[in-house]
Amino acid sequence: MNERRNVAFLSTYPPRECGLATFTEDLVNEVTKIALVRPYVIAVTNTEEYEDLRVVCKLSQHDRESYLRTAHWVNSYIDLLVIEHEYGIFGGECGEYIIDLVKKLKIPFIVTTHTVLEEPSTKQRAVLRELGQLSAKLVTMAESSVPILSGTYGIDAAKIVVIPHGVPNLLVGSREKLKTAHGLKSKQVISSFGLLSPAKGIEYGIEAVAKVGADFANVVYLILGKTHPCVKQGTGESYRQSLIDLAEGLGVRDNVRFVDKYLTKEEVIKYLHLSDIYLTPYLSKEQAVSGTLAYAVGCGRVVVSTPYRYAREMLSEGRGVLAEFRDSDSLAEGIRHILCNPLQKKEMEMKTLAVGQMMSWSNVAGRYTQLFISIMEEFRPDGALAG
């Protein structure tokens, strides 16, 4: 196979503000640099308009007929389809409309799973199981998801491929220079970033910082990111306000800073590099992948986290500290341990960075591209995979 082949990514896409959209943009940007394939985007949309010329087709999320029209378009112009899968971005119960699309495909497709639930509903299990059975390969970003996909969802283990979440590789200044530039000189900086929602458990982070602040008056907790659009639509800024009120009530308003905006990748990386500790006090043990945690690992930050699945995997072998769910005392203990042991903190950073360097988007895109090529080379025009 010498000619460039057309690969389309079906996903949300900027300007939609969500982790899946950012993930797809980052991956497509890197795949574009590889001469072997020509990437395009099919954007799952409601009302968004797109400036990126790689968006060549739009799938109307809640219009079932749009899924059939999109399948017809894909069959006409595309050699391989990549479906970035999250139940909530597709129409129908548990995103079942996507099954209509894949059943009409005459080309191979792969599924990248962004949510793998240990205890899915009957419908969630059925949708992902059918996608997995019809796909050429199914990608997961965590080793811990492999036995769940094969056991709970009944997907052939030979179809499952592990490719880590990618992280940007951007050159930024030293931690101390960045702290000075952001008015944080001589501060011990803890940060959390991402679209704000109650599932993030940020209140426990604030309580933990209040407990640590008695011993470390120079601690600052940065809560980075705007409120999740779905949360804002439902309850406005009530969650953010509750966090502000909590910090006030605990007497740590000066130690907690909110950066209420949708951060660019460059801003995220700068904030992570100036941080001493990255904190993810998430509430759900089910979380199979976290782009924010992947970014923190990519930057070589020490992480204190609740023990959701992705955190247990990423922070094993001394790469971070796991605390209990919904337990600010446990989080505070982890933070305090790191702040009191600077040499151990440095060792953790080196261990974390060693893993993070393997997760650069260029490496991840190379692995995806190898997978694409191997599938397209095996594919026969009659609609079946060789072998």
Protein backbone atom coordinates (compact mmCIF):
# COMPACT_ATOMS: atom_id res chain seq x y z
CA MET A 1 0.00 0.00 0.00
CA ASN A 2 1.89 3.05 -1.25
CA GLU A 3 -0.80 5.68 -1.84
CA ARG A 4 -2.17 7.77 1.02
CA ARG A 5 -5.45 6.40 2.29
CA ASN A 6 -8.39 8.36 3.66
CA VAL A 7 -9.10 7.90 7.35
CA ALA A 8 -12.07 9.66 8.97
CA PHE A 9 -12.53 10.32 12.69
CA LEU A 10 -16.13 10.39 13.90
CA SER A 11 -16.26 12.47 17.07
CA THR A 12 -17.22 15.76 18.64
CA TYR A 13 -14.79 18.46 17.56
CA PRO A 14 -13.89 22.05 18.46
CA PRO A 15 -15.53 24.50 18.92
CA ARG A 16 -17.49 21.94 21.01
CA GLU A 17 -15.92 22.25 24.45
CA CYS A 18 -15.39 18.72 25.70
CA GLY A 19 -12.52 16.36 26.31
CA LEU A 20 -13.45 14.12 23.38
CA ALA A 21 -13.30 17.04 20.95
CA THR A 22 -9.88 18.12 22.21
CA PHE A 23 -8.61 14.53 22.08
CA THR A 24 -9.70 14.13 18.46
CA GLU A 25 -8.20 17.47 17.40
CA ASP A 26 -4.86 16.60 19.02
CA LEU A 27 -4.76 13.15 17.42
CA VAL A 28 -5.75 14.43 13.97
CA ASN A 29 -3.12 17.18 14.18
CA GLU A 30 -0.40 14.58 14.73
CA VAL A 31 -1.71 12.05 12.19
CA THR A 32 -1.71 14.87 9.60
CA LYS A 33 2.10 14.98 9.93
CA ILE A 34 2.42 11.31 8.92
CA ALA A 35 2.59 10.81 5.16
CA LEU A 36 0.88 7.43 5.06
CA VAL A 37 -2.72 8.49 5.70
CA ARG A 38 -4.93 11.51 5.02
CA PRO A 39 -7.11 12.27 8.06
CA TYR A 40 -10.56 13.84 7.94
CA VAL A 41 -13.18 14.59 10.60
CA ILE A 42 -16.88 13.76 10.71
CA ALA A 43 -18.15 16.04 13.47
CA VAL A 44 -21.00 14.96 15.73
CA THR A 45 -22.93 18.18 15.91
CA ASN A 46 -25.98 19.95 17.23
CA THR A 47 -25.57 23.57 16.14
CA GLU A 48 -21.78 24.00 15.91
CA GLU A 49 -20.05 25.59 12.94
CA TYR A 50 -16.51 24.52 12.02
CA GLU A 51 -13.55 26.45 10.67
CA ASP A 52 -11.18 23.47 10.38
CA LEU A 53 -11.14 22.37 6.73
CA ARG A 54 -10.58 18.78 7.80
CA VAL A 55 -14.22 18.68 8.94
CA VAL A 56 -15.68 17.27 5.75
CA CYS A 57 -18.97 15.88 7.01
CA LYS A 58 -21.37 16.54 9.89
CA LEU A 59 -23.46 13.97 11.74
CA SER A 60 -26.57 15.44 13.37
CA GLN A 61 -26.50 13.88 16.84
CA HIS A 62 -30.23 13.33 17.37
CA ASP A 63 -31.33 12.78 13.75
CA ARG A 64 -31.46 9.04 13.14
CA GLU A 65 -31.58 9.45 9.37
CA SER A 66 -28.32 11.39 9.53
CA TYR A 67 -26.55 8.21 10.67
CA LEU A 68 -27.61 6.39 7.49
CA ARG A 69 -26.64 9.34 5.28
CA THR A 70 -23.25 9.52 6.99
CA ALA A 71 -22.64 5.81 6.42
CA HIS A 72 -23.38 6.28 2.72
CA TRP A 73 -20.93 9.20 2.54
CA VAL A 74 -18.24 7.23 4.37
CA ASN A 75 -18.60 4.27 2.00
CA SER A 76 -18.08 6.61 -0.95
CA TYR A 77 -14.99 8.51 0.18
CA ILE A 78 -13.27 6.87 3.16
CA ASP A 79 -11.01 3.80 3.53
CA LEU A 80 -11.18 3.45 7.32
CA LEU A 81 -13.47 5.00 9.95
CA VAL A 82 -12.37 5.71 13.53
CA ILE A 83 -15.25 6.08 16.00
CA GLU A 84 -14.37 7.95 19.19
CA HIS A 85 -16.92 6.37 21.49
CA GLU A 86 -18.68 7.97 24.42
CA TYR A 87 -22.29 6.99 25.08
CA GLY A 88 -23.49 10.56 25.47
CA ILE A 89 -22.33 11.97 22.14
CA PHE A 90 -24.55 9.79 19.95
CA GLY A 91 -28.34 9.83 19.67
CA GLY A 92 -30.86 7.32 20.97
CA GLU A 93 -30.84 5.36 24.22
CA CYS A 94 -27.21 5.01 25.37
CA GLY A 95 -26.11 6.29 21.95
CA GLU A 96 -27.65 3.36 20.08
CA TYR A 97 -28.03 5.27 16.78
CA ILE A 98 -24.35 4.65 16.08
CA ILE A 99 -25.22 0.97 15.51
CA ASP A 100 -27.41 2.01 12.55
CA LEU A 101 -24.36 3.65 11.00
CA VAL A 102 -21.85 0.83 11.45
CA LYS A 103 -24.25 -1.80 10.13
CA LYS A 104 -24.34 0.08 6.81
CA LEU A 105 -20.55 0.38 6.47
CA LYS A 106 -18.73 -1.41 3.65
CA ILE A 107 -15.31 -0.40 4.95
CA PRO A 108 -13.52 -1.41 8.16
CA PHE A 109 -13.88 0.68 11.29
CA ILE A 110 -12.26 0.81 14.70
CA VAL A 111 -13.67 2.05 17.99
CA THR A 112 -11.68 4.05 20.54
CA THR A 113 -13.40 3.69 23.92
CA HIS A 114 -13.40 6.74 26.19
CA THR A 115 -15.72 5.16 28.77
CA VAL A 116 -15.56 1.51 29.83
CA LEU A 117 -17.97 0.84 32.69
CA GLU A 118 -17.41 -2.10 35.02
CA GLU A 119 -21.14 -2.19 35.78
CA PRO A 120 -22.94 -1.03 32.62
CA SER A 121 -26.68 -1.01 32.21
CA THR A 122 -28.11 -3.71 29.98
CA LYS A 123 -28.40 -1.21 27.12
CA GLN A 124 -24.91 0.24 27.60
CA ARG A 125 -23.46 -3.25 27.53
CA ALA A 126 -25.41 -4.19 24.41
CA VAL A 127 -24.35 -1.08 22.46
CA LEU A 128 -20.63 -1.40 23.17
CA ARG A 129 -20.72 -5.17 22.72
CA GLU A 130 -22.23 -4.84 19.24
CA LEU A 131 -19.78 -2.10 18.28
CA GLY A 132 -16.92 -4.30 19.41
CA GLN A 133 -18.19 -7.33 17.54
CA LEU A 134 -18.65 -5.43 14.27
CA SER A 135 -15.38 -3.48 14.47
CA ALA A 136 -12.00 -4.50 13.08
CA LYS A 137 -10.27 -3.43 16.31
CA LEU A 138 -11.28 -1.79 19.57
CA VAL A 139 -8.83 0.58 21.26
CA THR A 140 -8.67 1.22 24.99
CA MET A 141 -6.34 3.65 26.73
CA ALA A 142 -5.87 1.57 29.88
CA GLU A 143 -4.66 -1.98 30.45
CA SER A 144 -7.21 -2.31 33.25
CA SER A 145 -10.06 -2.06 30.72
CA VAL A 146 -8.97 -5.12 28.69
CA PRO A 147 -10.44 -7.81 31.00
CA ILE A 148 -13.61 -5.73 31.42
CA LEU A 149 -14.11 -5.41 27.66
CA SER A 150 -13.54 -9.11 27.08
CA GLY A 151 -15.37 -10.36 30.18
CA THR A 152 -18.25 -7.97 30.82
CA TYR A 153 -18.86 -6.99 27.18
CA GLY A 154 -17.91 -10.27 25.50
CA ILE A 155 -15.52 -8.66 23.01
CA ASP A 156 -12.86 -10.94 21.51
CA ALA A 157 -9.61 -10.18 23.35
CA ALA A 158 -7.70 -10.49 20.07
CA LYS A 159 -9.56 -7.40 18.83
CA ILE A 160 -8.56 -5.22 21.78
CA VAL A 161 -5.56 -2.89 21.43
CA VAL A 162 -4.10 -0.68 24.19
CA ILE A 163 -2.85 2.73 23.04
CA PRO A 164 -2.33 5.33 25.79
CA HIS A 165 -3.96 8.75 25.91
CA GLY A 166 -1.72 11.26 24.18
CA VAL A 167 -0.18 14.30 25.82
CA PRO A 168 1.19 17.51 24.27
CA ASN A 169 4.93 18.03 24.07
CA LEU A 170 5.33 21.80 24.45
CA LEU A 171 8.42 23.67 25.57
CA VAL A 172 7.76 25.97 28.52
CA GLY A 173 9.89 27.74 31.10
CA SER A 174 11.11 26.39 34.42
CA ARG A 175 8.70 25.92 37.31
CA GLU A 176 10.09 28.89 39.22
CA LYS A 177 9.96 31.23 36.21
CA LEU A 178 6.38 30.20 35.48
CA LYS A 179 5.37 30.70 39.11
CA THR A 180 6.85 34.19 39.08
CA ALA A 181 5.08 35.05 35.82
CA HIS A 182 1.73 33.99 37.32
CA GLY A 183 2.19 35.80 40.63
CA LEU A 184 2.91 32.57 42.52
CA LYS A 185 6.54 33.06 43.51
CA SER A 186 7.53 31.04 46.61
CA LYS A 187 4.13 29.30 46.64
CA GLN A 188 3.49 25.55 46.91
CA VAL A 189 1.04 25.13 44.03
CA ILE A 190 -1.62 22.44 43.83
CA SER A 191 -3.84 22.37 40.75
CA SER A 192 -6.86 20.67 39.23
CA PHE A 193 -8.08 21.40 35.70
CA GLY A 194 -10.90 20.46 33.40
CA LEU A 195 -14.53 21.36 32.84
CA LEU A 196 -16.00 21.88 36.30
CA SER A 197 -18.77 19.55 37.47
CA PRO A 198 -19.85 17.98 40.78
CA ALA A 199 -18.33 14.63 39.68
CA LYS A 200 -14.86 16.16 40.01
CA GLY A 201 -15.13 16.28 43.82
CA ILE A 202 -13.33 19.62 44.04
CA GLU A 203 -14.97 20.36 47.39
CA TYR A 204 -12.85 17.62 48.95
CA GLY A 205 -9.75 19.22 47.44
CA ILE A 206 -10.63 22.57 49.01
CA GLU A 207 -11.24 20.93 52.39
CA ALA A 208 -7.88 19.13 52.11
CA VAL A 209 -6.08 22.38 51.29
CA ALA A 210 -7.68 23.99 54.35
CA LYS A 211 -6.29 21.19 56.51
CA VAL A 212 -2.81 21.43 54.97
CA GLY A 213 -2.81 25.23 55.13
CA ALA A 214 -2.34 25.19 58.90
CA ASP A 215 1.18 23.83 58.34
CA PHE A 216 1.90 25.33 54.90
CA ALA A 217 0.59 28.88 54.73
CA ASN A 218 2.10 29.31 51.25
CA VAL A 219 -0.10 26.64 49.65
CA VAL A 220 -2.24 27.81 46.72
CA TYR A 221 -4.89 25.59 45.08
CA LEU A 222 -5.62 26.49 41.45
CA ILE A 223 -9.01 25.32 40.16
CA LEU A 224 -8.59 25.69 36.43
CA GLY A 225 -11.39 25.62 33.88
CA LYS A 226 -14.90 26.81 33.14
CA THR A 227 -18.07 25.04 34.22
CA HIS A 228 -19.08 22.09 32.05
CA PRO A 229 -21.65 23.32 29.47
CA CYS A 230 -24.17 20.63 30.46
CA VAL A 231 -23.86 21.56 34.14
CA LYS A 232 -24.19 25.25 33.35
CA GLN A 233 -27.28 24.60 31.25
CA GLY A 234 -28.89 22.63 34.06
CA THR A 235 -27.92 24.44 37.25
CA GLY A 236 -25.98 27.51 36.13
CA GLU A 237 -22.93 28.33 38.25
CA SER A 238 -24.36 26.97 41.51
CA TYR A 239 -21.60 24.35 41.88
CA ARG A 240 -18.80 26.85 41.32
CA GLN A 241 -20.45 29.27 43.76
CA SER A 242 -20.73 26.49 46.35
CA LEU A 243 -16.97 25.95 46.05
CA ILE A 244 -16.26 29.66 46.45
CA ASP A 245 -18.55 29.74 49.51
CA LEU A 246 -16.81 26.67 50.93
CA ALA A 247 -13.37 28.27 50.62
CA GLU A 248 -14.72 31.41 52.29
CA GLY A 249 -16.29 29.42 55.11
CA LEU A 250 -13.07 27.48 55.75
CA GLY A 251 -11.03 30.69 55.81
CA VAL A 252 -8.87 29.72 52.79
CA ARG A 253 -10.27 32.03 50.11
CA ASP A 254 -6.77 33.49 49.65
CA ASN A 255 -5.36 29.97 49.19
CA VAL A 256 -7.88 28.94 46.52
CA ARG A 257 -7.88 30.60 43.11
CA PHE A 258 -10.41 29.99 40.36
CA VAL A 259 -9.42 30.45 36.71
CA ASP A 260 -12.86 30.50 35.10
CA LYS A 261 -12.13 29.97 31.39
CA TYR A 262 -11.74 27.24 28.80
CA LEU A 263 -7.98 26.86 28.77
CA THR A 264 -5.88 26.48 25.64
CA LYS A 265 -3.48 23.54 25.57
CA GLU A 266 -0.59 25.97 26.02
CA GLU A 267 -2.21 27.43 29.13
CA VAL A 268 -2.89 23.98 30.57
CA ILE A 269 0.72 22.88 30.06
CA LYS A 270 2.07 26.07 31.65
CA TYR A 271 -0.17 25.67 34.69
CA LEU A 272 0.82 22.02 35.06
CA HIS A 273 4.51 22.81 34.79
CA LEU A 274 4.28 25.46 37.51
CA SER A 275 2.38 23.05 39.80
CA ASP A 276 4.03 21.11 42.60
CA ILE A 277 1.12 18.68 42.94
CA TYR A 278 -1.72 17.77 40.60
CA LEU A 279 -4.94 16.80 42.39
CA THR A 280 -7.81 14.67 41.05
CA PRO A 281 -10.35 14.09 43.84
CA TYR A 282 -12.86 12.48 41.43
CA LEU A 283 -15.86 10.71 42.93
CA SER A 284 -16.41 7.76 40.56
CA LYS A 285 -14.31 4.61 40.83
CA GLU A 286 -15.48 3.72 37.29
CA GLN A 287 -13.37 6.33 35.48
CA ALA A 288 -11.39 4.30 32.93
CA VAL A 289 -9.45 7.22 31.48
CA SER A 290 -8.80 10.85 32.37
CA GLY A 291 -7.29 13.26 29.87
CA THR A 292 -6.42 15.69 32.66
CA LEU A 293 -4.50 13.03 34.59
CA ALA A 294 -2.76 11.95 31.37
CA TYR A 295 -1.64 15.55 30.80
CA ALA A 296 -0.30 15.78 34.37
CA VAL A 297 1.66 12.56 33.93
CA GLY A 298 2.96 13.83 30.61
CA CYS A 299 4.32 16.89 32.41
CA GLY A 300 5.98 14.76 35.09
CA ARG A 301 3.88 16.12 37.95
CA VAL A 302 3.36 14.34 41.25
CA VAL A 303 -0.31 13.40 41.48
CA VAL A 304 -2.54 12.95 44.52
CA SER A 305 -5.74 11.23 43.45
CA THR A 306 -8.71 9.20 44.52
CA PRO A 307 -8.30 5.57 43.38
CA TYR A 308 -10.43 5.47 40.25
CA ARG A 309 -9.34 2.85 37.71
CA TYR A 310 -7.16 5.04 35.51
CA ALA A 311 -5.44 6.62 38.52
CA ARG A 312 -4.61 3.23 40.03
CA GLU A 313 -2.95 2.22 36.77
CA MET A 314 -1.13 5.47 36.04
CA LEU A 315 0.10 6.07 39.59
CA SER A 316 1.35 2.55 40.31
CA GLU A 317 5.02 1.84 41.02
CA GLY A 318 5.50 4.96 43.09
CA ARG A 319 4.33 7.51 40.52
CA GLY A 320 1.89 9.24 42.85
CA VAL A 321 -0.26 9.00 45.96
CA LEU A 322 -3.72 7.44 46.15
CA ALA A 323 -6.22 8.73 48.71
CA GLU A 324 -9.68 7.55 49.70
CA PHE A 325 -12.86 8.61 47.90
CA ARG A 326 -14.82 11.50 49.43
CA ASP A 327 -12.22 11.85 52.21
CA SER A 328 -10.51 15.22 52.60
CA ASP A 329 -8.39 13.93 55.51
CA SER A 330 -6.92 11.26 53.23
CA LEU A 331 -6.25 13.80 50.47
CA ALA A 332 -4.63 16.17 52.98
CA GLU A 333 -2.41 13.39 54.26
CA GLY A 334 -1.18 12.69 50.71
CA ILE A 335 -0.51 16.37 50.02
CA ARG A 336 1.26 16.84 53.33
CA HIS A 337 3.46 13.78 52.72
CA ILE A 338 4.69 15.17 49.41
CA LEU A 339 5.29 18.68 50.73
CA CYS A 340 7.25 17.30 53.68
CA ASN A 341 9.43 15.01 51.54
CA PRO A 342 10.99 17.04 48.69
CA LEU A 343 13.49 14.32 47.76
CA GLN A 344 10.73 11.72 47.41
CA LYS A 345 8.71 14.26 45.44
CA LYS A 346 11.61 14.62 42.99
CA GLU A 347 11.86 10.82 42.61
CA MET A 348 8.13 10.61 41.91
CA GLU A 349 8.40 13.34 39.29
CA MET A 350 11.17 11.45 37.48
CA LYS A 351 9.19 8.19 37.52
CA THR A 352 6.08 9.96 36.26
CA LEU A 353 7.93 11.81 33.52
CA ALA A 354 9.47 8.57 32.23
CA VAL A 355 5.96 7.22 31.59
CA GLY A 356 4.69 10.55 30.31
CA GLN A 357 7.38 10.79 27.64
CA MET A 358 6.07 7.58 26.05
CA MET A 359 2.61 9.19 25.84
CA SER A 360 3.56 12.10 23.57
CA TRP A 361 1.01 12.70 20.82
CA SER A 362 3.62 11.96 18.15
CA ASN A 363 4.23 8.48 19.61
CA VAL A 364 0.51 7.84 20.08
CA ALA A 365 -0.33 8.98 16.53
CA GLY A 366 2.38 6.70 15.17
CA ARG A 367 0.82 3.72 16.92
CA TYR A 368 -2.65 4.59 15.64
CA THR A 369 -1.32 4.98 12.11
CA GLN A 370 0.37 1.57 12.22
CA LEU A 371 -2.94 0.10 13.36
CA PHE A 372 -4.84 1.86 10.54
CA ILE A 373 -2.43 0.57 7.90
CA SER A 374 -2.47 -3.01 9.14
CA ILE A 375 -6.29 -3.07 9.08
CA MET A 376 -6.55 -1.52 5.61
CA GLU A 377 -3.95 -3.93 4.21
CA GLU A 378 -5.95 -6.90 5.54
CA PHE A 379 -9.27 -5.62 4.30
CA ARG A 380 -10.82 -7.22 1.23
CA PRO A 381 -13.15 -5.21 -1.03
CA ASP A 382 -15.98 -7.68 -0.41
CA GLY A 383 -16.34 -6.17 3.05
CA ALA A 384 -14.49 -8.78 5.06
CA LEU A 385 -11.19 -8.83 6.85
CA ALA A 386 -8.63 -11.30 5.60
CA GLY A 387 -7.86 -14.19 7.89
